[in-house]
């Protein structure tokens, strides 16, 4: 069963990024930025499921992910959590606007349109997207990972952008896939300062030094 929408997992005070997301990202940035194929190499499925269950059931005090030997399992938990949401991070209602913005051929117009659509997202979705974009930019800048923006957008297109409805037709699925990747690649081309603006001064609590 779908596990609810993102806001159901967000903390009461901004930045509204679910603890599971913060913890997985922190763990990946602490010890994963030298791993080849980060987010592309799958973690062992039973372990991914088990750790996701543990983190979602833990409530306040999350179990330490240091106990997960394989960092790809942590990546898998994050992807699985985002994929399992009742609605993708970019939401069903804004899905068409994200696709339209990413399709604009002019870079400046595209950037302006995307900034506008991002600002219309529900606060938890917006903050979490900002947090994830800054994380993926750091992954893309790590030469050891060999995961450039194109690779990352292929992995995260279906996960973050998904489809415009809960039950897409086979045709929609086929047509959406390349456009999902394009949305993520375009979002990753926005300046980091744009994303940092949503996380505000509290982001020191979020981002590992």
N, C-alpha and C. Protein backbone atom coordinates (compact mmCIF):
# COMPACT_ATOMS: atom_id res chain seq x y z
N UNK A 1 0.84 -1.21 0.00
CA UNK A 1 0.00 0.00 0.00
C UNK A 1 0.87 1.26 0.00
N UNK A 2 0.42 2.31 -0.65
CA UNK A 2 1.23 3.54 -0.65
C UNK A 2 1.34 4.07 0.78
N UNK A 3 2.43 4.77 1.04
CA UNK A 3 2.72 5.10 2.44
C UNK A 3 2.31 6.52 2.81
N UNK A 4 1.42 7.16 2.07
CA UNK A 4 1.04 8.54 2.42
C UNK A 4 1.81 9.54 1.58
N UNK A 5 1.49 10.82 1.74
CA UNK A 5 2.19 11.85 0.98
C UNK A 5 3.37 12.36 1.80
N UNK A 6 4.24 13.10 1.15
CA UNK A 6 5.48 13.52 1.79
C UNK A 6 5.23 14.30 3.08
N UNK A 7 4.23 15.20 3.06
CA UNK A 7 3.98 16.05 4.23
C UNK A 7 3.69 15.23 5.48
N UNK A 8 3.17 14.01 5.30
CA UNK A 8 2.88 13.14 6.46
C UNK A 8 4.15 12.79 7.24
N UNK A 9 5.29 12.91 6.58
CA UNK A 9 6.56 12.50 7.21
C UNK A 9 7.41 13.70 7.62
N UNK A 10 6.96 14.90 7.30
CA UNK A 10 7.79 16.09 7.52
C UNK A 10 7.74 16.52 8.99
N UNK A 11 8.82 17.12 9.48
CA UNK A 11 8.84 17.61 10.86
C UNK A 11 7.93 18.84 11.00
N UNK A 12 7.61 19.23 12.25
CA UNK A 12 6.70 20.36 12.45
C UNK A 12 7.32 21.72 12.10
N UNK A 13 8.65 21.84 12.16
CA UNK A 13 9.29 23.13 11.89
C UNK A 13 10.16 23.06 10.65
N UNK A 14 10.28 24.17 9.90
CA UNK A 14 11.11 24.15 8.69
C UNK A 14 12.59 24.02 9.04
N UNK A 15 13.42 23.54 8.11
CA UNK A 15 13.02 23.03 6.79
C UNK A 15 12.26 21.71 6.91
N UNK A 16 11.25 21.56 6.08
CA UNK A 16 10.31 20.45 6.22
C UNK A 16 10.78 19.20 5.47
N UNK A 17 11.94 18.70 5.88
CA UNK A 17 12.51 17.52 5.22
C UNK A 17 12.36 16.33 6.16
N UNK A 18 11.71 15.24 5.71
CA UNK A 18 11.53 14.08 6.60
C UNK A 18 12.86 13.57 7.16
N UNK A 19 12.82 13.15 8.42
CA UNK A 19 14.04 12.66 9.08
C UNK A 19 14.69 11.52 8.30
N UNK A 20 13.88 10.64 7.73
CA UNK A 20 14.44 9.51 6.97
C UNK A 20 15.32 10.02 5.82
N UNK A 21 14.85 11.06 5.15
CA UNK A 21 15.59 11.61 4.01
C UNK A 21 16.89 12.24 4.48
N UNK A 22 16.80 13.04 5.56
CA UNK A 22 17.99 13.69 6.10
C UNK A 22 19.02 12.63 6.52
N UNK A 23 18.53 11.59 7.18
CA UNK A 23 19.47 10.60 7.69
C UNK A 23 20.14 9.81 6.57
N UNK A 24 19.37 9.41 5.58
CA UNK A 24 19.97 8.67 4.45
C UNK A 24 20.98 9.53 3.72
N UNK A 25 20.62 10.78 3.45
CA UNK A 25 21.52 11.69 2.72
C UNK A 25 22.80 11.94 3.52
N UNK A 26 22.65 12.15 4.82
CA UNK A 26 23.81 12.41 5.68
C UNK A 26 24.76 11.22 5.65
N UNK A 27 24.19 10.03 5.73
CA UNK A 27 25.00 8.80 5.73
C UNK A 27 25.72 8.64 4.38
N UNK A 28 25.00 8.90 3.29
CA UNK A 28 25.60 8.78 1.96
C UNK A 28 26.73 9.79 1.80
N UNK A 29 26.52 11.02 2.29
CA UNK A 29 27.57 12.03 2.13
C UNK A 29 28.74 11.79 3.06
N UNK A 30 28.48 11.09 4.16
CA UNK A 30 29.56 10.82 5.11
C UNK A 30 30.50 9.75 4.56
N UNK A 31 29.93 8.72 3.91
CA UNK A 31 30.83 7.63 3.50
C UNK A 31 30.57 7.07 2.11
N UNK A 32 29.69 7.73 1.34
CA UNK A 32 29.37 7.17 0.03
C UNK A 32 29.96 7.89 -1.17
N UNK A 33 30.55 9.06 -0.94
CA UNK A 33 30.94 9.88 -2.10
C UNK A 33 32.18 9.37 -2.82
N UNK A 34 32.69 8.21 -2.39
CA UNK A 34 33.80 7.59 -3.13
C UNK A 34 33.34 6.30 -3.81
N UNK A 35 32.05 5.98 -3.69
CA UNK A 35 31.52 4.74 -4.26
C UNK A 35 31.12 4.92 -5.72
N UNK A 36 31.58 4.04 -6.59
CA UNK A 36 31.17 4.09 -7.99
C UNK A 36 29.70 3.71 -8.12
N UNK A 37 28.97 4.47 -8.94
CA UNK A 37 27.60 4.08 -9.26
C UNK A 37 26.61 4.34 -8.14
N UNK A 38 26.89 5.34 -7.32
CA UNK A 38 25.99 5.69 -6.22
C UNK A 38 24.59 5.94 -6.78
N UNK A 39 23.59 5.33 -6.19
CA UNK A 39 22.18 5.39 -6.61
C UNK A 39 21.86 4.54 -7.84
N UNK A 40 22.89 4.13 -8.59
CA UNK A 40 22.59 3.29 -9.75
C UNK A 40 22.74 1.81 -9.39
N UNK A 41 23.76 1.52 -8.58
CA UNK A 41 23.99 0.14 -8.15
C UNK A 41 22.92 -0.22 -7.11
N UNK A 42 22.14 -1.28 -7.33
CA UNK A 42 21.08 -1.58 -6.36
C UNK A 42 21.65 -2.17 -5.08
N UNK A 43 20.98 -1.86 -3.96
CA UNK A 43 21.32 -2.51 -2.69
C UNK A 43 20.48 -3.78 -2.59
N UNK A 44 20.86 -4.69 -1.70
CA UNK A 44 20.11 -5.94 -1.52
C UNK A 44 18.67 -5.62 -1.09
N UNK A 45 17.72 -6.09 -1.89
CA UNK A 45 16.30 -5.75 -1.71
C UNK A 45 15.77 -6.06 -0.29
N UNK A 46 16.03 -7.25 0.27
CA UNK A 46 15.51 -7.54 1.62
C UNK A 46 16.03 -6.54 2.67
N UNK A 47 17.30 -6.16 2.54
CA UNK A 47 17.90 -5.20 3.48
C UNK A 47 17.27 -3.82 3.30
N UNK A 48 17.07 -3.43 2.05
CA UNK A 48 16.44 -2.13 1.77
C UNK A 48 15.07 -2.08 2.44
N UNK A 49 14.29 -3.13 2.25
CA UNK A 49 12.94 -3.17 2.83
C UNK A 49 12.97 -3.12 4.35
N UNK A 50 13.89 -3.91 4.92
CA UNK A 50 14.01 -4.00 6.38
C UNK A 50 14.38 -2.63 6.99
N UNK A 51 15.38 -1.97 6.39
CA UNK A 51 15.82 -0.69 6.95
C UNK A 51 14.79 0.40 6.73
N UNK A 52 14.10 0.34 5.61
CA UNK A 52 13.05 1.34 5.39
C UNK A 52 11.96 1.17 6.46
N UNK A 53 11.59 -0.07 6.73
CA UNK A 53 10.57 -0.36 7.75
C UNK A 53 11.04 0.16 9.11
N UNK A 54 12.30 -0.14 9.44
CA UNK A 54 12.84 0.30 10.74
C UNK A 54 12.79 1.82 10.87
N UNK A 55 13.22 2.52 9.83
CA UNK A 55 13.27 3.98 9.90
C UNK A 55 11.86 4.57 9.97
N UNK A 56 10.93 3.99 9.22
CA UNK A 56 9.57 4.54 9.22
C UNK A 56 8.87 4.26 10.55
N UNK A 57 9.22 3.17 11.20
CA UNK A 57 8.57 2.83 12.47
C UNK A 57 9.22 3.51 13.66
N UNK A 58 10.43 4.01 13.46
CA UNK A 58 11.20 4.50 14.60
C UNK A 58 10.63 5.77 15.20
N UNK A 59 9.91 6.56 14.40
CA UNK A 59 9.40 7.83 14.92
C UNK A 59 10.56 8.77 15.20
N UNK A 60 10.66 9.23 16.43
CA UNK A 60 11.66 10.25 16.76
C UNK A 60 13.09 9.80 16.63
N UNK A 61 13.48 8.79 17.43
CA UNK A 61 14.89 8.40 17.46
C UNK A 61 15.17 7.35 16.38
N UNK A 62 15.82 7.78 15.33
CA UNK A 62 16.08 6.86 14.22
C UNK A 62 17.27 5.96 14.53
N UNK A 63 17.17 4.67 14.16
CA UNK A 63 18.34 3.80 14.34
C UNK A 63 19.50 4.28 13.47
N UNK A 64 20.72 4.12 13.96
CA UNK A 64 21.88 4.63 13.23
C UNK A 64 22.13 3.80 11.97
N UNK A 65 22.32 4.50 10.86
CA UNK A 65 22.57 3.80 9.60
C UNK A 65 24.03 3.37 9.47
N UNK A 66 24.83 3.73 10.44
CA UNK A 66 26.22 3.28 10.43
C UNK A 66 26.31 1.76 10.44
N UNK A 67 25.24 1.12 10.92
CA UNK A 67 25.21 -0.34 10.97
C UNK A 67 24.95 -1.01 9.64
N UNK A 68 24.64 -0.20 8.61
CA UNK A 68 24.40 -0.77 7.28
C UNK A 68 25.73 -0.81 6.54
N UNK A 69 26.26 -2.01 6.36
CA UNK A 69 27.61 -2.13 5.78
C UNK A 69 27.66 -1.57 4.36
N UNK A 70 26.64 -1.86 3.57
CA UNK A 70 26.66 -1.49 2.15
C UNK A 70 25.92 -0.17 1.95
N UNK A 71 26.64 0.86 1.53
CA UNK A 71 26.02 2.19 1.36
C UNK A 71 24.93 2.15 0.28
N UNK A 72 25.01 1.20 -0.66
CA UNK A 72 23.99 1.10 -1.70
C UNK A 72 22.62 0.73 -1.11
N UNK A 73 22.63 0.08 0.05
CA UNK A 73 21.37 -0.22 0.73
C UNK A 73 20.73 1.09 1.22
N UNK A 74 21.57 1.99 1.76
CA UNK A 74 21.05 3.28 2.23
C UNK A 74 20.46 4.07 1.05
N UNK A 75 21.16 4.07 -0.07
CA UNK A 75 20.65 4.72 -1.29
C UNK A 75 19.31 4.11 -1.68
N UNK A 76 19.23 2.78 -1.56
CA UNK A 76 18.00 2.06 -1.92
C UNK A 76 16.84 2.46 -1.02
N UNK A 77 17.11 2.64 0.27
CA UNK A 77 16.06 3.04 1.22
C UNK A 77 15.50 4.41 0.82
N UNK A 78 16.39 5.34 0.50
CA UNK A 78 15.95 6.68 0.11
C UNK A 78 15.10 6.63 -1.15
N UNK A 79 15.58 5.90 -2.16
CA UNK A 79 14.83 5.82 -3.43
C UNK A 79 13.48 5.13 -3.21
N UNK A 80 13.50 4.08 -2.40
CA UNK A 80 12.28 3.32 -2.14
C UNK A 80 11.24 4.15 -1.39
N UNK A 81 11.72 4.94 -0.45
CA UNK A 81 10.82 5.83 0.30
C UNK A 81 10.16 6.83 -0.65
N UNK A 82 10.95 7.45 -1.52
CA UNK A 82 10.42 8.47 -2.44
C UNK A 82 9.48 7.84 -3.46
N UNK A 83 9.84 6.64 -3.92
CA UNK A 83 9.00 5.95 -4.91
C UNK A 83 7.69 5.48 -4.31
N UNK A 84 7.72 5.17 -3.00
CA UNK A 84 6.55 4.61 -2.35
C UNK A 84 5.51 5.65 -1.92
N UNK A 85 5.83 6.93 -2.09
CA UNK A 85 4.88 7.97 -1.69
C UNK A 85 3.61 7.87 -2.52
N UNK A 86 2.50 8.28 -1.92
CA UNK A 86 1.21 8.20 -2.61
C UNK A 86 1.20 9.12 -3.84
N UNK A 87 2.07 10.12 -3.81
CA UNK A 87 2.14 11.10 -4.90
C UNK A 87 3.60 11.47 -5.07
N UNK A 88 4.09 11.61 -6.32
CA UNK A 88 5.52 11.93 -6.48
C UNK A 88 5.85 13.29 -5.86
N UNK A 89 7.13 13.52 -5.66
CA UNK A 89 7.58 14.76 -5.02
C UNK A 89 7.07 15.99 -5.77
N UNK A 90 6.98 15.92 -7.10
CA UNK A 90 6.53 17.10 -7.85
C UNK A 90 5.00 17.21 -7.89
N UNK A 91 4.29 16.32 -7.27
CA UNK A 91 2.82 16.28 -7.13
C UNK A 91 2.09 16.08 -8.48
N UNK A 92 0.94 15.43 -8.40
CA UNK A 92 0.15 15.18 -9.62
C UNK A 92 -0.29 16.49 -10.26
N UNK A 93 -0.72 17.45 -9.44
CA UNK A 93 -1.32 18.66 -10.04
C UNK A 93 -0.28 19.52 -10.75
N UNK A 94 0.99 19.49 -10.27
CA UNK A 94 2.02 20.32 -10.91
C UNK A 94 2.83 19.55 -11.95
N UNK A 95 2.57 18.25 -12.05
CA UNK A 95 3.33 17.40 -12.97
C UNK A 95 3.37 17.98 -14.39
N UNK A 96 2.21 18.35 -14.98
CA UNK A 96 2.24 18.88 -16.35
C UNK A 96 3.06 20.17 -16.45
N UNK A 97 3.00 21.01 -15.41
CA UNK A 97 3.74 22.28 -15.44
C UNK A 97 5.25 22.04 -15.42
N UNK A 98 5.69 21.03 -14.63
CA UNK A 98 7.11 20.70 -14.62
C UNK A 98 7.56 20.20 -15.99
N UNK A 99 6.76 19.34 -16.62
CA UNK A 99 7.13 18.81 -17.94
C UNK A 99 7.20 19.95 -18.96
N UNK A 100 6.20 20.83 -18.92
CA UNK A 100 6.16 21.96 -19.87
C UNK A 100 7.37 22.86 -19.69
N UNK A 101 7.69 23.17 -18.43
CA UNK A 101 8.83 24.06 -18.15
C UNK A 101 10.13 23.45 -18.67
N UNK A 102 10.32 22.14 -18.42
CA UNK A 102 11.56 21.48 -18.83
C UNK A 102 11.68 21.40 -20.35
N UNK A 103 10.55 21.44 -21.05
CA UNK A 103 10.55 21.36 -22.51
C UNK A 103 10.92 22.68 -23.19
N UNK A 104 10.95 23.79 -22.43
CA UNK A 104 11.25 25.08 -23.06
C UNK A 104 12.68 25.05 -23.60
N UNK A 105 12.84 25.36 -24.89
CA UNK A 105 14.19 25.23 -25.48
C UNK A 105 15.17 26.29 -24.97
N UNK A 106 14.67 27.46 -24.61
CA UNK A 106 15.55 28.53 -24.15
C UNK A 106 15.93 28.32 -22.69
N UNK A 107 17.23 28.23 -22.40
CA UNK A 107 17.68 27.92 -21.05
C UNK A 107 17.17 28.91 -20.00
N UNK A 108 17.23 30.19 -20.33
CA UNK A 108 16.81 31.21 -19.36
C UNK A 108 15.32 31.09 -19.08
N UNK A 109 14.51 30.92 -20.13
CA UNK A 109 13.06 30.79 -19.96
C UNK A 109 12.74 29.52 -19.17
N UNK A 110 13.47 28.48 -19.46
CA UNK A 110 13.27 27.20 -18.76
C UNK A 110 13.57 27.37 -17.28
N UNK A 111 14.69 28.01 -16.98
CA UNK A 111 15.07 28.22 -15.58
C UNK A 111 14.04 29.04 -14.83
N UNK A 112 13.56 30.09 -15.46
CA UNK A 112 12.55 30.95 -14.84
C UNK A 112 11.27 30.17 -14.58
N UNK A 113 10.84 29.41 -15.58
CA UNK A 113 9.59 28.63 -15.46
C UNK A 113 9.73 27.58 -14.36
N UNK A 114 10.87 26.90 -14.32
CA UNK A 114 11.05 25.87 -13.30
C UNK A 114 11.07 26.46 -11.89
N UNK A 115 11.76 27.60 -11.73
CA UNK A 115 11.77 28.26 -10.41
C UNK A 115 10.35 28.57 -9.96
N UNK A 116 9.55 29.04 -10.92
CA UNK A 116 8.17 29.41 -10.62
C UNK A 116 7.37 28.18 -10.17
N UNK A 117 7.51 27.08 -10.90
CA UNK A 117 6.74 25.87 -10.55
C UNK A 117 7.21 25.30 -9.21
N UNK A 118 8.52 25.31 -8.98
CA UNK A 118 9.06 24.80 -7.71
C UNK A 118 8.45 25.59 -6.54
N UNK A 119 8.32 26.90 -6.73
CA UNK A 119 7.82 27.74 -5.63
C UNK A 119 6.35 27.45 -5.33
N UNK A 120 5.63 26.81 -6.27
CA UNK A 120 4.22 26.48 -6.04
C UNK A 120 4.02 25.15 -5.33
N UNK A 121 5.09 24.39 -5.18
CA UNK A 121 4.99 23.08 -4.51
C UNK A 121 4.57 23.26 -3.05
N UNK A 122 3.89 22.25 -2.46
CA UNK A 122 3.65 22.30 -1.02
C UNK A 122 4.99 22.42 -0.29
N UNK A 123 5.02 23.17 0.84
CA UNK A 123 6.31 23.46 1.50
C UNK A 123 7.19 22.24 1.76
N UNK A 124 6.61 21.13 2.23
CA UNK A 124 7.44 19.95 2.53
C UNK A 124 8.06 19.39 1.25
N UNK A 125 7.29 19.38 0.16
CA UNK A 125 7.80 18.87 -1.11
C UNK A 125 8.92 19.76 -1.62
N UNK A 126 8.70 21.07 -1.49
CA UNK A 126 9.68 22.04 -1.98
C UNK A 126 10.99 21.93 -1.19
N UNK A 127 10.88 21.91 0.14
CA UNK A 127 12.10 21.83 0.96
C UNK A 127 12.85 20.54 0.71
N UNK A 128 12.10 19.44 0.58
CA UNK A 128 12.74 18.14 0.37
C UNK A 128 13.39 18.08 -1.00
N UNK A 129 12.71 18.63 -2.01
CA UNK A 129 13.30 18.68 -3.35
C UNK A 129 14.60 19.49 -3.32
N UNK A 130 14.58 20.63 -2.63
CA UNK A 130 15.78 21.48 -2.53
C UNK A 130 16.92 20.71 -1.86
N UNK A 131 16.59 20.04 -0.77
CA UNK A 131 17.59 19.27 -0.03
C UNK A 131 18.19 18.16 -0.90
N UNK A 132 17.32 17.47 -1.65
CA UNK A 132 17.79 16.39 -2.52
C UNK A 132 18.61 16.92 -3.69
N UNK A 133 18.20 18.06 -4.27
CA UNK A 133 18.96 18.62 -5.40
C UNK A 133 20.38 18.99 -4.97
N UNK A 134 20.51 19.61 -3.79
CA UNK A 134 21.85 19.97 -3.31
C UNK A 134 22.68 18.71 -3.08
N UNK A 135 22.04 17.67 -2.58
CA UNK A 135 22.73 16.39 -2.36
C UNK A 135 23.19 15.78 -3.70
N UNK A 136 22.28 15.75 -4.67
CA UNK A 136 22.62 15.14 -5.96
C UNK A 136 23.70 15.95 -6.68
N UNK A 137 23.71 17.26 -6.49
CA UNK A 137 24.78 18.07 -7.07
C UNK A 137 26.12 17.67 -6.45
N UNK A 138 26.12 17.43 -5.14
CA UNK A 138 27.38 17.01 -4.50
C UNK A 138 27.82 15.65 -5.04
N UNK A 139 26.87 14.74 -5.24
CA UNK A 139 27.21 13.43 -5.81
C UNK A 139 27.78 13.61 -7.22
N UNK A 140 27.14 14.48 -8.01
CA UNK A 140 27.58 14.66 -9.40
C UNK A 140 28.98 15.27 -9.46
N UNK A 141 29.36 16.04 -8.43
CA UNK A 141 30.69 16.67 -8.42
C UNK A 141 31.77 15.75 -7.86
N UNK A 142 31.38 14.55 -7.42
CA UNK A 142 32.37 13.63 -6.87
C UNK A 142 32.87 12.72 -7.99
N UNK A 143 34.13 12.90 -8.40
CA UNK A 143 34.63 12.13 -9.55
C UNK A 143 34.58 10.61 -9.33
N UNK A 144 34.76 10.17 -8.06
CA UNK A 144 34.77 8.73 -7.78
C UNK A 144 33.44 8.05 -8.09
N UNK A 145 32.33 8.79 -7.91
CA UNK A 145 31.01 8.16 -8.09
C UNK A 145 30.70 7.86 -9.55
N UNK A 146 31.32 8.63 -10.45
CA UNK A 146 31.03 8.49 -11.89
C UNK A 146 29.52 8.59 -12.16
N UNK A 147 28.86 9.48 -11.41
CA UNK A 147 27.43 9.70 -11.60
C UNK A 147 27.23 11.18 -11.95
N UNK A 148 27.26 11.49 -13.23
CA UNK A 148 27.06 12.88 -13.62
C UNK A 148 25.58 13.20 -13.60
N UNK A 149 25.26 14.45 -13.95
CA UNK A 149 23.86 14.90 -13.91
C UNK A 149 22.96 14.01 -14.77
N UNK A 150 23.48 13.60 -15.92
CA UNK A 150 22.67 12.77 -16.82
C UNK A 150 22.35 11.41 -16.17
N UNK A 151 23.37 10.78 -15.61
CA UNK A 151 23.16 9.49 -14.92
C UNK A 151 22.18 9.64 -13.77
N UNK A 152 22.37 10.68 -12.98
CA UNK A 152 21.50 10.88 -11.81
C UNK A 152 20.07 11.18 -12.23
N UNK A 153 19.91 11.93 -13.33
CA UNK A 153 18.55 12.26 -13.74
C UNK A 153 17.84 11.03 -14.31
N UNK A 154 18.59 10.12 -14.89
CA UNK A 154 17.98 8.86 -15.35
C UNK A 154 17.47 8.05 -14.16
N UNK A 155 18.27 8.03 -13.09
CA UNK A 155 17.88 7.25 -11.91
C UNK A 155 16.72 7.93 -11.18
N UNK A 156 16.79 9.26 -11.06
CA UNK A 156 15.83 9.96 -10.21
C UNK A 156 14.61 10.51 -10.95
N UNK A 157 14.61 10.47 -12.29
CA UNK A 157 13.44 10.94 -13.04
C UNK A 157 12.17 10.21 -12.63
N UNK A 158 12.16 8.88 -12.75
CA UNK A 158 10.96 8.13 -12.37
C UNK A 158 10.63 8.28 -10.88
N UNK A 159 11.66 8.41 -10.04
CA UNK A 159 11.46 8.46 -8.59
C UNK A 159 10.88 9.79 -8.13
N UNK A 160 11.39 10.90 -8.66
CA UNK A 160 10.97 12.23 -8.18
C UNK A 160 9.82 12.81 -8.99
N UNK A 161 9.82 12.55 -10.29
CA UNK A 161 8.82 13.18 -11.17
C UNK A 161 7.63 12.25 -11.38
N UNK A 162 7.93 10.97 -11.56
CA UNK A 162 6.86 9.99 -11.70
C UNK A 162 5.88 10.33 -12.81
N UNK A 163 4.60 10.06 -12.58
CA UNK A 163 3.56 10.27 -13.59
C UNK A 163 2.52 11.26 -13.08
N UNK A 164 1.65 11.69 -13.98
CA UNK A 164 0.67 12.71 -13.63
C UNK A 164 -0.55 12.18 -12.92
N UNK A 165 -0.61 10.86 -12.72
CA UNK A 165 -1.75 10.27 -12.01
C UNK A 165 -1.30 8.98 -11.34
N UNK A 166 -2.15 8.46 -10.46
CA UNK A 166 -1.78 7.25 -9.73
C UNK A 166 -1.79 6.02 -10.63
N UNK A 167 -2.60 6.06 -11.71
CA UNK A 167 -2.69 4.89 -12.60
C UNK A 167 -2.43 5.30 -14.06
N UNK A 168 -1.17 5.57 -14.40
CA UNK A 168 -0.89 6.03 -15.76
C UNK A 168 -1.11 4.91 -16.79
N UNK A 169 -1.48 5.28 -17.99
CA UNK A 169 -1.64 4.29 -19.06
C UNK A 169 -0.26 3.84 -19.52
N UNK A 170 -0.17 2.68 -20.19
CA UNK A 170 1.13 2.25 -20.73
C UNK A 170 1.74 3.30 -21.66
N UNK A 171 0.89 3.98 -22.42
CA UNK A 171 1.39 5.02 -23.34
C UNK A 171 1.99 6.18 -22.54
N UNK A 172 1.28 6.60 -21.50
CA UNK A 172 1.79 7.69 -20.66
C UNK A 172 3.14 7.32 -20.05
N UNK A 173 3.24 6.08 -19.60
CA UNK A 173 4.49 5.63 -18.98
C UNK A 173 5.64 5.73 -20.00
N UNK A 174 5.36 5.29 -21.22
CA UNK A 174 6.38 5.33 -22.26
C UNK A 174 6.77 6.77 -22.60
N UNK A 175 5.78 7.64 -22.71
CA UNK A 175 6.05 9.04 -23.09
C UNK A 175 6.69 9.82 -21.94
N UNK A 176 6.33 9.46 -20.71
CA UNK A 176 6.83 10.23 -19.56
C UNK A 176 8.30 10.00 -19.28
N UNK A 177 8.78 8.78 -19.55
CA UNK A 177 10.11 8.41 -19.06
C UNK A 177 11.22 9.37 -19.50
N UNK A 178 11.37 9.67 -20.82
CA UNK A 178 12.45 10.61 -21.18
C UNK A 178 12.21 12.01 -20.61
N UNK A 179 10.94 12.38 -20.46
CA UNK A 179 10.65 13.73 -19.97
C UNK A 179 10.91 13.85 -18.47
N UNK A 180 10.72 12.76 -17.75
CA UNK A 180 11.04 12.77 -16.32
C UNK A 180 12.52 13.08 -16.11
N UNK A 181 13.35 12.42 -16.92
CA UNK A 181 14.80 12.61 -16.79
C UNK A 181 15.17 14.05 -17.11
N UNK A 182 14.50 14.59 -18.12
CA UNK A 182 14.78 15.96 -18.55
C UNK A 182 14.45 16.95 -17.43
N UNK A 183 13.34 16.70 -16.73
CA UNK A 183 12.96 17.58 -15.62
C UNK A 183 14.06 17.59 -14.56
N UNK A 184 14.52 16.39 -14.17
CA UNK A 184 15.53 16.33 -13.10
C UNK A 184 16.85 16.97 -13.57
N UNK A 185 17.24 16.71 -14.83
CA UNK A 185 18.48 17.31 -15.35
C UNK A 185 18.37 18.83 -15.34
N UNK A 186 17.22 19.35 -15.72
CA UNK A 186 17.02 20.81 -15.74
C UNK A 186 17.01 21.37 -14.32
N UNK A 187 16.38 20.65 -13.39
CA UNK A 187 16.37 21.12 -11.99
C UNK A 187 17.80 21.16 -11.45
N UNK A 188 18.61 20.16 -11.84
CA UNK A 188 20.00 20.12 -11.37
C UNK A 188 20.86 21.20 -12.02
N UNK A 189 20.34 21.82 -13.08
CA UNK A 189 21.13 22.89 -13.70
C UNK A 189 20.82 24.26 -13.07
N UNK A 190 19.83 24.32 -12.19
CA UNK A 190 19.56 25.58 -11.48
C UNK A 190 20.68 25.82 -10.47
N UNK A 191 20.98 27.09 -10.16
CA UNK A 191 22.10 27.36 -9.25
C UNK A 191 21.81 26.86 -7.83
N UNK A 192 22.83 26.31 -7.16
CA UNK A 192 22.65 25.82 -5.79
C UNK A 192 22.06 26.89 -4.86
N UNK A 193 22.39 28.16 -5.11
CA UNK A 193 21.88 29.23 -4.24
C UNK A 193 20.35 29.27 -4.26
N UNK A 194 19.74 28.92 -5.39
CA UNK A 194 18.28 28.88 -5.48
C UNK A 194 17.73 27.86 -4.50
N UNK A 195 18.32 26.66 -4.51
CA UNK A 195 17.86 25.60 -3.61
C UNK A 195 18.13 25.93 -2.15
N UNK A 196 19.31 26.53 -1.90
CA UNK A 196 19.65 26.86 -0.51
C UNK A 196 18.67 27.87 0.07
N UNK A 197 18.11 28.70 -0.78
CA UNK A 197 17.15 29.71 -0.32
C UNK A 197 15.94 29.12 0.38
N UNK A 198 15.54 27.90 0.00
CA UNK A 198 14.37 27.27 0.62
C UNK A 198 14.71 26.68 1.98
N UNK A 199 15.99 26.33 2.16
CA UNK A 199 16.36 25.64 3.39
C UNK A 199 16.75 26.63 4.47
N UNK A 200 17.01 27.88 4.08
CA UNK A 200 17.21 28.94 5.04
C UNK A 200 18.37 28.70 5.97
N UNK A 201 18.35 29.42 7.09
CA UNK A 201 19.50 29.35 8.00
C UNK A 201 19.52 28.05 8.77
N UNK A 202 18.36 27.35 8.80
CA UNK A 202 18.34 26.12 9.59
C UNK A 202 19.06 24.98 8.89
N UNK A 203 19.54 25.23 7.66
CA UNK A 203 20.06 24.08 6.95
C UNK A 203 21.34 23.53 7.57
N UNK A 204 21.97 24.28 8.45
CA UNK A 204 23.14 23.71 9.13
C UNK A 204 22.76 22.43 9.87
N UNK A 205 21.51 22.36 10.35
CA UNK A 205 21.09 21.15 11.05
C UNK A 205 20.96 19.99 10.08
N UNK A 206 20.86 20.29 8.79
CA UNK A 206 20.54 19.26 7.82
C UNK A 206 21.77 18.72 7.14
N UNK A 207 22.64 19.64 6.73
CA UNK A 207 23.68 19.23 5.79
C UNK A 207 24.95 18.93 6.55
N UNK A 208 25.50 17.73 6.35
CA UNK A 208 26.75 17.40 7.04
C UNK A 208 27.87 18.30 6.54
N UNK A 209 28.76 18.68 7.43
CA UNK A 209 29.84 19.60 7.07
C UNK A 209 30.83 18.91 6.12
